[in-house]
Protein backbone atom coordinates (compact mmCIF):
# COMPACT_ATOMS: atom_id res chain seq x y z
CA UNK A 1 116.98 95.21 152.27
CA UNK A 2 115.03 95.98 149.24
CA UNK A 3 111.38 96.77 149.44
CA UNK A 4 108.51 97.61 147.46
CA UNK A 5 107.70 100.78 149.12
CA UNK A 6 106.19 103.71 146.87
CA UNK A 7 105.17 100.90 143.96
CA UNK A 8 101.59 100.52 143.31
CA UNK A 9 99.47 97.22 143.99
CA UNK A 10 98.95 97.00 140.37
CA UNK A 11 102.61 97.10 139.49
CA UNK A 12 103.10 94.06 142.39
CA UNK A 13 100.70 92.47 140.72
CA UNK A 14 101.89 92.87 137.22
CA UNK A 15 105.34 91.36 138.14
CA UNK A 16 103.91 88.47 139.76
CA UNK A 17 101.03 87.51 137.23
CA UNK A 18 104.29 87.90 134.26
CA UNK A 19 106.41 85.32 136.41
CA UNK A 20 103.20 83.09 137.02
CA UNK A 21 102.25 82.98 133.73
CA UNK A 22 105.55 81.06 132.69
CA UNK A 23 106.73 84.46 131.06
CA UNK A 24 110.62 83.65 132.18
CA UNK A 25 111.65 80.78 130.33
CA UNK A 26 114.59 82.72 128.88
CA UNK A 27 115.60 83.12 132.63
CA UNK A 28 115.28 79.36 133.25
CA UNK A 29 117.23 78.13 130.05
CA UNK A 30 119.81 80.43 130.87
CA UNK A 31 120.54 79.74 134.36
CA UNK A 32 120.82 75.58 133.19
CA UNK A 33 123.57 76.81 130.94
CA UNK A 34 126.72 79.11 131.52
CA UNK A 35 126.76 82.57 133.15
CA UNK A 36 126.81 84.49 129.87
CA UNK A 37 123.31 82.75 129.24
CA UNK A 38 122.44 83.00 132.55
CA UNK A 39 122.83 86.81 132.48
CA UNK A 40 121.13 87.19 128.82
CA UNK A 41 118.36 84.81 130.31
CA UNK A 42 117.88 87.02 133.27
CA UNK A 43 117.62 90.19 131.24
CA UNK A 44 114.98 88.55 128.71
CA UNK A 45 112.73 87.61 132.28
CA UNK A 46 112.86 90.92 133.29
CA UNK A 47 111.98 92.41 130.21
CA UNK A 48 108.75 89.89 129.54
CA UNK A 49 107.50 90.64 132.85
CA UNK A 50 107.81 94.29 132.31
CA UNK A 51 106.21 94.11 128.77
CA UNK A 52 103.67 91.90 130.05
CA UNK A 53 102.27 94.62 132.23
CA UNK A 54 103.64 97.82 131.14
CA UNK A 55 104.54 97.67 127.52
CA UNK A 56 108.15 98.21 128.45
CA UNK A 57 110.30 97.05 125.14
CA UNK A 58 113.85 95.98 125.10
CA UNK A 59 115.02 99.85 123.74
CA UNK A 60 113.03 101.25 126.89
CA UNK A 61 115.12 103.54 128.89
CA UNK A 62 114.87 100.95 131.89
CA UNK A 63 115.92 98.14 130.15
CA UNK A 64 118.91 100.07 128.55
CA UNK A 65 119.80 100.71 132.65
CA UNK A 66 118.92 97.17 133.61
CA UNK A 67 121.67 95.74 130.73
CA UNK A 68 124.45 98.17 132.27
CA UNK A 69 124.99 95.49 134.94
CA UNK A 70 127.09 92.97 133.90
CA UNK A 71 128.81 91.85 137.15
CA UNK A 72 127.48 88.48 137.64
CA UNK A 73 128.74 88.75 141.44
CA UNK A 74 126.55 91.86 142.19
CA UNK A 75 123.52 89.79 140.37
CA UNK A 76 123.99 86.96 142.89
CA UNK A 77 124.37 89.38 145.61
CA UNK A 78 120.54 90.85 144.51
CA UNK A 79 119.73 87.33 144.45
CA UNK A 80 120.12 86.85 148.32
CA UNK A 81 118.44 90.01 149.20
CA UNK A 82 114.93 89.35 150.90
CA UNK A 83 111.98 91.31 149.99
CA UNK A 84 109.69 93.03 151.95
CA UNK A 85 107.42 90.63 154.62
CA UNK A 86 104.23 92.05 154.02
CA UNK A 87 104.70 91.22 150.59
CA UNK A 88 103.92 87.33 149.22
CA UNK A 89 107.12 85.37 149.19
CA UNK A 90 107.62 83.08 146.57
CA UNK A 91 109.30 79.47 146.49
CA UNK A 92 111.25 79.78 143.01
CA UNK A 93 114.66 81.18 143.44
CA UNK A 94 114.22 82.24 139.70
CA UNK A 95 111.16 84.32 141.16
CA UNK A 96 113.04 85.93 144.06
CA UNK A 97 116.02 86.63 141.71
CA UNK A 98 113.64 88.68 139.41
CA UNK A 99 111.81 90.53 142.00
CA UNK A 100 114.33 91.49 144.11
CA UNK A 101 116.45 92.61 141.32
CA UNK A 102 113.41 94.68 139.92
CA UNK A 103 112.79 96.07 143.42
CA UNK A 104 116.72 97.43 143.77
CA UNK A 105 116.66 99.02 140.45
CA UNK A 106 113.27 100.71 141.08
CA UNK A 107 114.29 102.27 144.14
CA UNK A 108 117.28 103.23 142.49
CA UNK A 109 115.27 104.59 139.30
CA UNK A 110 112.20 105.58 141.31
CA UNK A 111 111.85 109.25 140.13
CA UNK A 112 112.33 108.34 136.23
CA UNK A 113 109.93 104.90 136.97
CA UNK A 114 107.37 106.76 138.46
CA UNK A 115 107.09 109.44 135.75
CA UNK A 116 107.57 107.27 132.84
CA UNK A 117 105.49 104.17 134.05
CA UNK A 118 102.78 105.60 136.40
CA UNK A 119 102.14 109.14 134.53
CA UNK A 120 102.03 107.43 131.27
CA UNK A 121 99.54 104.50 132.10
CA UNK A 122 97.24 107.18 133.72
CA UNK A 123 97.45 110.19 130.64
CA UNK A 124 94.58 109.01 128.11
CA UNK A 125 94.98 112.72 126.35
CA UNK A 126 97.59 115.06 126.31
CA UNK A 127 95.45 117.11 129.21
CA UNK A 128 96.37 114.13 131.64
CA UNK A 129 99.82 114.56 131.41
CA UNK A 130 101.19 116.12 134.47
CA UNK A 131 102.57 119.31 134.82
CA UNK A 132 105.82 120.19 136.54
CA UNK A 133 105.74 120.86 140.26
CA UNK A 134 104.24 123.97 140.91
CA UNK A 135 102.55 124.70 137.56
CA UNK A 136 98.78 124.66 136.16
CA UNK A 137 97.37 124.33 133.03
CA UNK A 138 96.24 127.63 131.68
CA UNK A 139 92.53 127.58 130.73
CA UNK A 140 91.68 127.22 127.07
CA UNK A 141 88.41 128.52 125.48
CA UNK A 142 85.84 126.17 125.10
CA UNK A 143 85.54 124.51 121.39
CA UNK A 144 89.21 126.02 120.55
CA UNK A 145 91.72 124.72 118.65
CA UNK A 146 93.64 124.89 122.25
CA UNK A 147 90.78 122.76 123.88
CA UNK A 148 91.13 120.36 120.75
CA UNK A 149 94.92 119.62 120.94
CA UNK A 150 94.52 119.14 124.62
CA UNK A 151 91.66 116.66 124.44
CA UNK A 152 94.17 114.79 121.74
CA UNK A 153 94.12 111.10 122.60
CA UNK A 154 97.40 109.09 123.13
CA UNK A 155 98.60 105.63 122.41
CA UNK A 156 97.52 103.16 125.31
CA UNK A 157 98.97 100.04 124.25
CA UNK A 158 102.44 101.42 123.87
CA UNK A 159 104.76 104.24 123.20
CA UNK A 160 106.40 103.62 120.10
CA UNK A 161 106.66 105.87 117.31
CA UNK A 162 105.93 103.90 114.15
CA UNK A 163 106.55 104.91 110.67
CA UNK A 164 104.27 104.62 107.67
CA UNK A 165 105.45 100.86 106.87
CA UNK A 166 104.66 99.96 110.17
CA UNK A 167 108.53 99.76 111.16
CA UNK A 168 109.54 101.11 114.47
CA UNK A 169 111.23 104.55 114.08
CA UNK A 170 114.92 103.88 115.28
CA UNK A 171 115.06 106.97 117.60
CA UNK A 172 112.65 105.77 120.41
CA UNK A 173 114.09 108.10 122.63
CA UNK A 174 112.54 111.49 121.74
CA UNK A 175 108.84 110.90 122.60
CA UNK A 176 107.20 110.94 125.72
CA UNK A 177 103.86 109.64 124.18
CA UNK A 178 102.24 109.27 120.83
CA UNK A 179 99.17 110.52 119.68
CA UNK A 180 96.49 108.11 118.61
CA UNK A 181 96.41 109.37 115.09
CA UNK A 182 97.07 107.24 111.86
CA UNK A 183 100.04 108.22 109.86
CA UNK A 184 98.70 106.56 106.74
CA UNK A 185 100.64 104.08 104.80
CA UNK A 186 102.69 106.51 102.37
CA UNK A 187 105.68 108.55 103.30
CA UNK A 188 103.82 111.70 103.33
CA UNK A 189 102.30 112.70 107.12
CA UNK A 190 105.79 114.46 108.13
CA UNK A 191 106.55 117.35 110.13
CA UNK A 192 104.81 120.35 108.11
CA UNK A 193 102.22 117.54 107.33
CA UNK A 194 101.05 116.27 111.04
CA UNK A 195 100.59 120.27 111.96
CA UNK A 196 98.29 120.50 108.53
CA UNK A 197 96.96 117.31 109.69
CA UNK A 198 95.88 118.66 113.48
CA UNK A 199 94.47 121.99 112.05
CA UNK A 200 92.39 120.57 109.40
CA UNK A 201 90.97 117.62 111.81
CA UNK A 202 90.01 120.42 114.01
CA UNK A 203 88.19 122.22 111.25
CA UNK A 204 86.65 118.77 109.72
CA UNK A 205 85.32 117.72 113.05
CA UNK A 206 83.19 121.29 113.82
CA UNK A 207 81.87 120.98 110.03
CA UNK A 208 83.91 124.18 109.33
CA UNK A 209 84.84 123.18 105.61
CA UNK A 210 85.45 126.53 104.69
CA UNK A 211 88.50 127.04 106.81
CA UNK A 212 90.43 124.07 105.68
CA UNK A 213 92.52 125.44 102.81
CA UNK A 214 96.18 125.20 102.72
CA UNK A 215 98.76 125.76 100.06
CA UNK A 216 101.26 123.87 97.99
CA UNK A 217 104.95 124.80 97.79
CA UNK A 218 104.51 126.91 94.80
CA UNK A 219 101.97 129.16 96.31
CA UNK A 220 98.86 127.22 94.86
CA UNK A 221 95.96 127.60 97.21
CA UNK A 222 94.12 124.48 97.48
CA UNK A 223 90.65 124.77 99.39
CA UNK A 224 89.11 121.50 100.61
CA UNK A 225 85.28 122.66 99.47
CA UNK A 226 86.76 122.97 95.94
CA UNK A 227 87.72 119.53 95.99
CA UNK A 228 84.70 118.10 98.12
CA UNK A 229 82.99 119.57 95.51
CA UNK A 230 84.20 117.69 92.78
CA UNK A 231 86.74 120.00 91.15
CA UNK A 232 89.86 118.43 89.82
CA UNK A 233 92.60 119.22 87.37
CA UNK A 234 93.03 117.05 84.74
CA UNK A 235 95.08 116.63 81.40
CA UNK A 236 92.95 116.96 78.39
CA UNK A 237 94.07 117.32 74.47
CA UNK A 238 97.61 118.26 76.24
CA UNK A 239 96.27 121.00 77.89
CA UNK A 240 95.52 121.41 81.63
CA UNK A 241 92.05 121.82 82.31
CA UNK A 242 90.26 122.66 85.63
CA UNK A 243 86.73 121.38 86.18
CA UNK A 244 84.42 119.37 87.92
CA UNK A 245 85.24 115.88 87.33
CA UNK A 246 83.84 113.74 90.12
CA UNK A 247 81.08 113.70 92.44
CA UNK A 248 80.29 116.07 95.26
CA UNK A 249 81.68 114.33 98.44
CA UNK A 250 82.17 115.68 102.14
CA UNK A 251 83.24 112.21 103.65
CA UNK A 252 85.96 111.63 106.18
CA UNK A 253 87.84 109.35 103.80
CA UNK A 254 87.60 112.03 100.66
CA UNK A 255 88.64 114.38 103.27
CA UNK A 256 91.95 112.37 104.18
CA UNK A 257 92.41 111.73 100.21
CA UNK A 258 92.20 115.68 100.13
CA UNK A 259 94.85 115.63 102.72
CA UNK A 260 97.07 113.21 101.17
CA UNK A 261 97.40 115.60 98.03
CA UNK A 262 97.78 118.53 100.31
CA UNK A 263 101.10 116.59 102.36
CA UNK A 264 102.57 115.61 98.74
CA UNK A 265 102.96 119.09 97.92
CA UNK A 266 103.17 121.22 100.90
CA UNK A 267 106.37 121.42 102.95
CA UNK A 268 107.91 123.45 105.79
CA UNK A 269 108.31 126.51 103.18
CA UNK A 270 104.50 126.72 102.38
CA UNK A 271 103.58 126.19 106.16
CA UNK A 272 105.89 129.35 106.91
CA UNK A 273 105.15 131.62 103.82
CA UNK A 274 101.50 130.99 103.05
CA UNK A 275 99.77 129.13 106.08
CA UNK A 276 101.29 131.07 109.04
CA UNK A 277 102.60 134.17 110.03
CA UNK A 278 105.49 135.29 112.47
CA UNK A 279 104.53 136.12 115.92
CA UNK A 280 104.96 139.80 116.90
CA UNK A 281 107.33 140.34 119.62
CA UNK A 282 104.71 141.81 122.11
CA UNK A 283 102.04 138.43 121.15
CA UNK A 284 101.86 135.76 123.94
CA UNK A 285 102.50 132.11 122.84
CA UNK A 286 99.46 129.97 122.72
CA UNK A 287 98.76 126.57 122.12
CA UNK A 288 98.41 125.68 118.47
CA UNK A 289 101.15 128.03 117.74
CA UNK A 290 104.21 126.17 116.07
CA UNK A 291 107.98 126.61 115.58
CA UNK A 292 108.81 126.43 111.79
CA UNK A 293 112.29 126.38 110.36
CA UNK A 294 112.33 126.70 106.45
CA UNK A 295 115.86 125.31 105.40
CA UNK A 296 117.28 123.35 102.38
CA UNK A 297 116.77 120.37 101.32
CA UNK A 298 114.79 120.11 104.39
CA UNK A 299 113.21 122.32 107.49
CA UNK A 300 111.41 121.26 110.51
CA UNK A 301 108.48 122.25 112.33
CA UNK A 302 107.13 121.25 115.50
CA UNK A 303 103.65 122.39 117.35
CA UNK A 304 102.59 123.68 121.13
CA UNK A 305 99.93 121.36 122.11
CA UNK A 306 99.73 122.74 125.63
CA UNK A 307 100.60 125.45 128.14
CA UNK A 308 101.01 125.97 132.09
CA UNK A 309 102.17 128.39 134.52
CA UNK A 310 103.27 129.30 137.72
CA UNK A 311 102.65 131.61 140.80
CA UNK A 312 105.64 133.60 139.18
CA UNK A 313 103.95 133.78 135.70
CA UNK A 314 106.43 131.79 134.44
CA UNK A 315 105.18 129.55 131.57
CA UNK A 316 105.96 126.24 130.06
CA UNK A 317 104.95 124.31 127.00
CA UNK A 318 104.54 120.77 125.43
CA UNK A 319 105.62 120.23 122.09
CA UNK A 320 104.43 117.70 119.56
CA UNK A 321 106.01 116.49 116.43
CA UNK A 322 106.17 114.24 113.48
CA UNK A 323 109.66 113.61 111.36
CA UNK A 324 110.95 112.05 108.32
CA UNK A 325 110.32 109.61 107.38
CA UNK A 326 106.43 109.99 107.68
CA UNK A 327 105.82 108.76 111.58
CA UNK A 328 103.54 108.70 114.10
CA UNK A 329 102.82 112.55 115.80
CA UNK A 330 104.35 112.12 119.31
CA UNK A 331 105.25 114.35 122.71
CA UNK A 332 108.39 115.65 122.75
CA UNK A 333 110.92 114.96 126.00
CA UNK A 334 113.25 117.92 126.79
CA UNK A 335 116.81 116.41 127.64
CA UNK A 336 117.84 119.82 128.44
CA UNK A 337 116.06 121.09 131.58
CA UNK A 338 115.32 117.94 133.74
CA UNK A 339 113.70 120.59 136.50
CA UNK A 340 110.55 121.11 134.38
CA UNK A 341 110.37 117.27 132.85
CA UNK A 342 109.13 116.94 129.46
CA UNK A 343 108.03 120.78 129.68
CA UNK A 344 109.80 123.43 127.26
CA UNK A 345 110.38 127.11 128.64
CA UNK A 346 110.52 128.74 125.26
CA UNK A 347 111.61 132.11 127.06
CA UNK A 348 114.93 131.72 125.14
CA UNK A 349 116.76 132.36 122.02
CA UNK A 350 117.23 128.47 121.18
CA UNK A 351 115.24 125.89 121.90
CA UNK A 352 116.81 122.74 121.59
CA UNK A 353 114.46 119.55 120.74
CA UNK A 354 115.71 116.20 120.34
CA UNK A 355 115.69 116.08 116.81
CA UNK A 356 116.12 119.80 115.68
CA UNK A 357 117.09 123.23 117.11
CA UNK A 358 114.65 126.34 117.10
CA UNK A 359 115.60 130.07 117.32
CA UNK A 360 112.61 132.07 119.26
CA UNK A 361 112.04 133.85 115.66
CA UNK A 362 110.90 130.50 114.21
CA UNK A 363 107.45 130.71 116.09
CA UNK A 364 104.43 131.41 113.87
CA UNK A 365 100.98 131.31 114.25
CA UNK A 366 98.51 129.12 111.87
CA UNK A 367 96.11 131.66 109.79
């Protein structure tokens, strides 16, 4: 017998609400036609219900698992199952079909579903993301960069990574959650740029304008203070002239213009060579440290956004990245060590992330 044991009332209400609002039209039409349409209609009905309440899109892990079932007899068998007597029964055969199927799949996939749906719904900021069993977050100094990163907001409407042009990223498997930070409308805020953005936002929020200074790939230093005071480079009489050509402006809008210039001329090379330093062997890895790989034609960089430890003093970390093309910053999953969920053990020579591999010597600390 399939039951709804372990699932929250909110989730059950969401499924029923989705059905009652008539969001299974595709299923109804499919059953009226043929077996092939019936299966496709069924998939659509499930997807619409889950999307209504939990924003689980067609390319989500759960929908991919559901779509693996192609056996019509198996589907009919699921259709005949009875739901738990303490759950309100539905007269509609279609409704019963959906409820029982979802129930069975959730029991089979419960460990993943529980983590994926309920944890994500509750995680409004990075520090809300659950730690692995027996691990606790290591306290961060008040008003530090570490505390700032831990309190970054996460998108609640969905966990889809969008590109600068509004299109979804092709690979939607790498992320656990997405930061609620705009990516802009140009192909600028890529991997190193995202790290620069977070560090700059931290200092701007604290009015530490003198600390907002980054380098271009050619090594040229570009301080925000100069830009905010109106200093610009111009071509005058075929000569490059540097002077005060704009009004003084410390607004956030001007700060974002400054960052776009940085993004245009900075990269992983400048981040590694000028704006960070290599971690020494005896230095503790901290929140805000980065992995940066300088490579031709492209390198990559990710940032540590959280840290936890257990009674054995073993430490695990959360990683975040942007990538190419410019895209929303997101929390990475860990597909290589499921025992610590999406967290990473960095006490290894090679760190495998979903889209790049780093060596331990790639660890660095922002200046």
